[in-house]
Amino acid sequence: MIARIWSTGILKGKENEYLNFVKKESVPMFKMQTGILNVQILLQQEKSLVITYWLRVEDIELMENDELYKQTTQKILAGGFLTDTQAVEKFECQNLSGF
């Protein structure tokens, strides 16, 4: 399993706009992707992490080249609630706890 973590800054006072976009646009888009297992949104003051879990790294690559993903990314960047700082990292998940 692979975790893809997208981090972004959120402009002060725009957290609700951001969360509404994520609920209405981002989560439905993720649900349409091949190989996705889960989506978690973490929010703390003016920062958010979107953690998606995938079966394979190839599934992430398919999503990143998907037209709906590209459109959703353009919309969120133009939405007026994010700072200029975003980053993406990918990690292989190791389940060592037995859960």
N, C-alpha and C. Protein backbone atom coordinates (compact mmCIF):
# COMPACT_ATOMS: atom_id res chain seq x y z
N MET A 1 0.86 -1.17 0.00
CA MET A 1 0.00 0.00 0.00
C MET A 1 0.90 1.23 0.00
N ILE A 2 0.46 2.24 -0.72
CA ILE A 2 1.21 3.49 -0.85
C ILE A 2 0.36 4.63 -0.30
N ALA A 3 0.98 5.51 0.48
CA ALA A 3 0.32 6.73 0.95
C ALA A 3 0.86 7.90 0.13
N ARG A 4 -0.06 8.71 -0.38
CA ARG A 4 0.30 9.93 -1.09
C ARG A 4 -0.17 11.08 -0.21
N ILE A 5 0.75 11.96 0.16
CA ILE A 5 0.42 13.05 1.07
C ILE A 5 0.61 14.37 0.33
N TRP A 6 -0.49 15.10 0.21
CA TRP A 6 -0.46 16.44 -0.40
C TRP A 6 -0.63 17.43 0.73
N SER A 7 0.32 18.34 0.87
CA SER A 7 0.23 19.36 1.91
C SER A 7 0.05 20.72 1.26
N THR A 8 -0.73 21.56 1.95
CA THR A 8 -0.98 22.89 1.44
C THR A 8 -1.22 23.85 2.59
N GLY A 9 -0.96 25.09 2.35
CA GLY A 9 -1.35 26.14 3.28
C GLY A 9 -2.74 26.65 2.89
N ILE A 10 -3.48 27.08 3.89
CA ILE A 10 -4.83 27.63 3.67
C ILE A 10 -4.83 29.05 4.20
N LEU A 11 -5.38 29.96 3.41
CA LEU A 11 -5.44 31.36 3.84
C LEU A 11 -6.33 31.49 5.07
N LYS A 12 -5.93 32.34 5.98
CA LYS A 12 -6.67 32.55 7.23
C LYS A 12 -8.11 32.94 6.93
N GLY A 13 -9.04 32.26 7.58
CA GLY A 13 -10.47 32.54 7.40
C GLY A 13 -11.10 31.82 6.22
N LYS A 14 -10.32 31.05 5.48
CA LYS A 14 -10.82 30.36 4.29
C LYS A 14 -10.96 28.85 4.49
N GLU A 15 -10.83 28.40 5.73
CA GLU A 15 -10.86 26.97 6.01
C GLU A 15 -12.18 26.32 5.59
N ASN A 16 -13.30 26.98 5.85
CA ASN A 16 -14.61 26.42 5.48
C ASN A 16 -14.77 26.31 3.97
N GLU A 17 -14.31 27.32 3.23
CA GLU A 17 -14.37 27.26 1.77
C GLU A 17 -13.54 26.07 1.26
N TYR A 18 -12.37 25.92 1.84
CA TYR A 18 -11.49 24.81 1.46
C TYR A 18 -12.17 23.47 1.73
N LEU A 19 -12.71 23.28 2.93
CA LEU A 19 -13.36 22.02 3.28
C LEU A 19 -14.57 21.74 2.40
N ASN A 20 -15.35 22.77 2.07
CA ASN A 20 -16.49 22.58 1.17
C ASN A 20 -16.03 22.11 -0.20
N PHE A 21 -14.94 22.68 -0.71
CA PHE A 21 -14.41 22.24 -2.00
C PHE A 21 -13.97 20.79 -1.93
N VAL A 22 -13.25 20.44 -0.88
CA VAL A 22 -12.76 19.08 -0.73
C VAL A 22 -13.93 18.09 -0.71
N LYS A 23 -14.98 18.41 0.05
CA LYS A 23 -16.14 17.52 0.15
C LYS A 23 -16.89 17.39 -1.17
N LYS A 24 -17.06 18.50 -1.87
CA LYS A 24 -17.88 18.51 -3.09
C LYS A 24 -17.12 18.12 -4.35
N GLU A 25 -15.83 18.40 -4.39
CA GLU A 25 -15.05 18.19 -5.63
C GLU A 25 -13.98 17.11 -5.47
N SER A 26 -13.13 17.26 -4.47
CA SER A 26 -11.96 16.38 -4.36
C SER A 26 -12.32 14.95 -3.99
N VAL A 27 -13.12 14.78 -2.94
CA VAL A 27 -13.44 13.42 -2.49
C VAL A 27 -14.18 12.64 -3.59
N PRO A 28 -15.21 13.22 -4.24
CA PRO A 28 -15.85 12.47 -5.33
C PRO A 28 -14.88 12.11 -6.47
N MET A 29 -13.95 13.02 -6.78
CA MET A 29 -12.96 12.74 -7.82
C MET A 29 -12.08 11.57 -7.40
N PHE A 30 -11.62 11.58 -6.14
CA PHE A 30 -10.79 10.47 -5.66
C PHE A 30 -11.53 9.14 -5.73
N LYS A 31 -12.80 9.14 -5.37
CA LYS A 31 -13.59 7.91 -5.37
C LYS A 31 -13.71 7.27 -6.75
N MET A 32 -13.50 8.06 -7.79
CA MET A 32 -13.60 7.55 -9.16
C MET A 32 -12.29 6.93 -9.64
N GLN A 33 -11.24 7.02 -8.86
CA GLN A 33 -9.93 6.58 -9.30
C GLN A 33 -9.72 5.09 -9.04
N THR A 34 -8.98 4.46 -9.92
CA THR A 34 -8.62 3.05 -9.79
C THR A 34 -7.58 2.88 -8.70
N GLY A 35 -7.79 1.91 -7.82
CA GLY A 35 -6.78 1.56 -6.84
C GLY A 35 -6.78 2.37 -5.56
N ILE A 36 -7.71 3.32 -5.43
CA ILE A 36 -7.73 4.11 -4.19
C ILE A 36 -8.40 3.31 -3.09
N LEU A 37 -7.85 3.41 -1.89
CA LEU A 37 -8.37 2.68 -0.74
C LEU A 37 -9.05 3.58 0.28
N ASN A 38 -8.51 4.80 0.46
CA ASN A 38 -9.06 5.70 1.48
C ASN A 38 -8.53 7.10 1.25
N VAL A 39 -9.28 8.08 1.78
CA VAL A 39 -8.88 9.48 1.76
C VAL A 39 -9.07 10.04 3.17
N GLN A 40 -8.05 10.72 3.67
CA GLN A 40 -8.16 11.39 4.96
C GLN A 40 -7.75 12.84 4.77
N ILE A 41 -8.53 13.74 5.38
CA ILE A 41 -8.23 15.16 5.33
C ILE A 41 -7.86 15.60 6.74
N LEU A 42 -6.67 16.14 6.90
CA LEU A 42 -6.22 16.65 8.18
C LEU A 42 -6.14 18.16 8.08
N LEU A 43 -6.68 18.85 9.07
CA LEU A 43 -6.71 20.31 9.04
C LEU A 43 -6.27 20.83 10.40
N GLN A 44 -5.32 21.74 10.38
CA GLN A 44 -4.86 22.38 11.61
C GLN A 44 -4.58 23.84 11.29
N GLN A 45 -5.42 24.70 11.82
CA GLN A 45 -5.31 26.13 11.60
C GLN A 45 -5.19 26.42 10.11
N GLU A 46 -4.04 26.84 9.66
CA GLU A 46 -3.89 27.26 8.26
C GLU A 46 -3.08 26.28 7.43
N LYS A 47 -3.20 25.00 7.77
CA LYS A 47 -2.49 23.96 7.02
C LYS A 47 -3.37 22.74 6.88
N SER A 48 -3.26 22.06 5.75
CA SER A 48 -4.01 20.83 5.52
C SER A 48 -3.11 19.78 4.88
N LEU A 49 -3.38 18.54 5.27
CA LEU A 49 -2.78 17.38 4.62
C LEU A 49 -3.91 16.54 4.05
N VAL A 50 -3.77 16.13 2.81
CA VAL A 50 -4.71 15.19 2.20
C VAL A 50 -3.92 13.91 2.00
N ILE A 51 -4.30 12.89 2.76
CA ILE A 51 -3.60 11.61 2.68
C ILE A 51 -4.50 10.62 1.95
N THR A 52 -4.01 10.13 0.84
CA THR A 52 -4.75 9.11 0.09
C THR A 52 -3.93 7.83 0.13
N TYR A 53 -4.64 6.71 0.22
CA TYR A 53 -4.01 5.40 0.29
C TYR A 53 -4.35 4.63 -0.98
N TRP A 54 -3.34 4.01 -1.57
CA TRP A 54 -3.45 3.38 -2.88
C TRP A 54 -2.90 1.96 -2.84
N LEU A 55 -3.43 1.12 -3.73
CA LEU A 55 -2.91 -0.24 -3.86
C LEU A 55 -1.48 -0.23 -4.40
N ARG A 56 -1.26 0.57 -5.46
CA ARG A 56 0.03 0.54 -6.15
C ARG A 56 0.43 1.95 -6.54
N VAL A 57 1.71 2.19 -6.68
CA VAL A 57 2.21 3.48 -7.14
C VAL A 57 1.71 3.78 -8.56
N GLU A 58 1.50 2.74 -9.35
CA GLU A 58 0.99 2.92 -10.72
C GLU A 58 -0.41 3.53 -10.71
N ASP A 59 -1.20 3.21 -9.68
CA ASP A 59 -2.54 3.79 -9.58
C ASP A 59 -2.46 5.30 -9.31
N ILE A 60 -1.48 5.71 -8.53
CA ILE A 60 -1.27 7.15 -8.28
C ILE A 60 -0.89 7.83 -9.59
N GLU A 61 -0.02 7.21 -10.35
CA GLU A 61 0.40 7.79 -11.63
C GLU A 61 -0.77 7.92 -12.59
N LEU A 62 -1.65 6.91 -12.61
CA LEU A 62 -2.86 7.00 -13.45
C LEU A 62 -3.70 8.19 -13.04
N MET A 63 -3.90 8.36 -11.72
CA MET A 63 -4.70 9.48 -11.23
C MET A 63 -4.07 10.81 -11.60
N GLU A 64 -2.76 10.93 -11.44
CA GLU A 64 -2.08 12.19 -11.72
C GLU A 64 -2.14 12.57 -13.20
N ASN A 65 -2.41 11.61 -14.07
CA ASN A 65 -2.57 11.87 -15.50
C ASN A 65 -4.02 11.92 -15.95
N ASP A 66 -4.95 11.73 -15.03
CA ASP A 66 -6.38 11.71 -15.32
C ASP A 66 -6.89 13.13 -15.55
N GLU A 67 -7.74 13.31 -16.56
CA GLU A 67 -8.26 14.64 -16.87
C GLU A 67 -9.10 15.23 -15.74
N LEU A 68 -9.92 14.41 -15.09
CA LEU A 68 -10.73 14.91 -13.98
C LEU A 68 -9.84 15.38 -12.83
N TYR A 69 -8.78 14.66 -12.55
CA TYR A 69 -7.83 15.08 -11.52
C TYR A 69 -7.21 16.43 -11.90
N LYS A 70 -6.79 16.57 -13.14
CA LYS A 70 -6.18 17.82 -13.60
C LYS A 70 -7.15 18.98 -13.49
N GLN A 71 -8.41 18.75 -13.87
CA GLN A 71 -9.43 19.80 -13.75
C GLN A 71 -9.68 20.18 -12.29
N THR A 72 -9.76 19.18 -11.42
CA THR A 72 -9.98 19.43 -10.00
C THR A 72 -8.81 20.20 -9.40
N THR A 73 -7.60 19.85 -9.79
CA THR A 73 -6.41 20.55 -9.32
C THR A 73 -6.43 22.01 -9.77
N GLN A 74 -6.78 22.26 -11.01
CA GLN A 74 -6.87 23.64 -11.51
C GLN A 74 -7.91 24.44 -10.73
N LYS A 75 -9.05 23.82 -10.45
CA LYS A 75 -10.12 24.50 -9.70
C LYS A 75 -9.68 24.85 -8.28
N ILE A 76 -9.04 23.90 -7.60
CA ILE A 76 -8.66 24.17 -6.21
C ILE A 76 -7.57 25.24 -6.14
N LEU A 77 -6.65 25.23 -7.10
CA LEU A 77 -5.60 26.25 -7.11
C LEU A 77 -6.16 27.63 -7.43
N ALA A 78 -7.23 27.69 -8.21
CA ALA A 78 -7.85 28.96 -8.57
C ALA A 78 -8.93 29.40 -7.58
N GLY A 79 -9.20 28.59 -6.56
CA GLY A 79 -10.31 28.85 -5.64
C GLY A 79 -10.14 30.02 -4.70
N GLY A 80 -8.91 30.51 -4.54
CA GLY A 80 -8.70 31.67 -3.69
C GLY A 80 -8.62 31.36 -2.21
N PHE A 81 -8.41 30.10 -1.84
CA PHE A 81 -8.31 29.77 -0.42
C PHE A 81 -7.00 29.09 -0.04
N LEU A 82 -6.12 28.83 -1.00
CA LEU A 82 -4.83 28.19 -0.73
C LEU A 82 -3.70 29.20 -0.78
N THR A 83 -2.64 28.93 -0.02
CA THR A 83 -1.42 29.71 -0.17
C THR A 83 -0.67 29.16 -1.38
N ASP A 84 0.46 29.74 -1.66
CA ASP A 84 1.25 29.31 -2.82
C ASP A 84 2.07 28.06 -2.56
N THR A 85 2.02 27.53 -1.35
CA THR A 85 2.88 26.42 -0.98
C THR A 85 2.12 25.11 -0.96
N GLN A 86 2.47 24.21 -1.88
CA GLN A 86 1.94 22.85 -1.90
C GLN A 86 3.10 21.89 -2.13
N ALA A 87 2.94 20.68 -1.61
CA ALA A 87 3.96 19.65 -1.82
C ALA A 87 3.28 18.28 -1.85
N VAL A 88 3.89 17.35 -2.57
CA VAL A 88 3.39 15.97 -2.63
C VAL A 88 4.55 15.04 -2.27
N GLU A 89 4.23 14.08 -1.39
CA GLU A 89 5.18 13.04 -1.04
C GLU A 89 4.47 11.70 -1.10
N LYS A 90 5.22 10.66 -1.41
CA LYS A 90 4.66 9.30 -1.47
C LYS A 90 5.49 8.40 -0.56
N PHE A 91 4.78 7.56 0.20
CA PHE A 91 5.43 6.66 1.14
C PHE A 91 4.85 5.26 0.99
N GLU A 92 5.71 4.27 1.07
CA GLU A 92 5.24 2.90 1.15
C GLU A 92 4.82 2.65 2.59
N CYS A 93 3.63 2.10 2.78
CA CYS A 93 3.10 1.85 4.12
C CYS A 93 3.60 0.51 4.64
N GLN A 94 4.03 0.52 5.87
CA GLN A 94 4.47 -0.69 6.55
C GLN A 94 3.56 -0.91 7.74
N ASN A 95 2.80 -1.98 7.75
CA ASN A 95 1.91 -2.28 8.87
C ASN A 95 2.65 -3.19 9.84
N LEU A 96 3.26 -2.57 10.83
CA LEU A 96 4.04 -3.33 11.81
C LEU A 96 3.28 -3.52 13.11
N SER A 97 2.11 -2.88 13.23
CA SER A 97 1.38 -2.91 14.48
C SER A 97 0.42 -4.09 14.60
N GLY A 98 0.09 -4.72 13.49
CA GLY A 98 -0.84 -5.83 13.51
C GLY A 98 -2.30 -5.42 13.46
N PHE A 99 -2.59 -4.12 13.32
CA PHE A 99 -3.99 -3.68 13.21
C PHE A 99 -4.50 -3.95 11.82
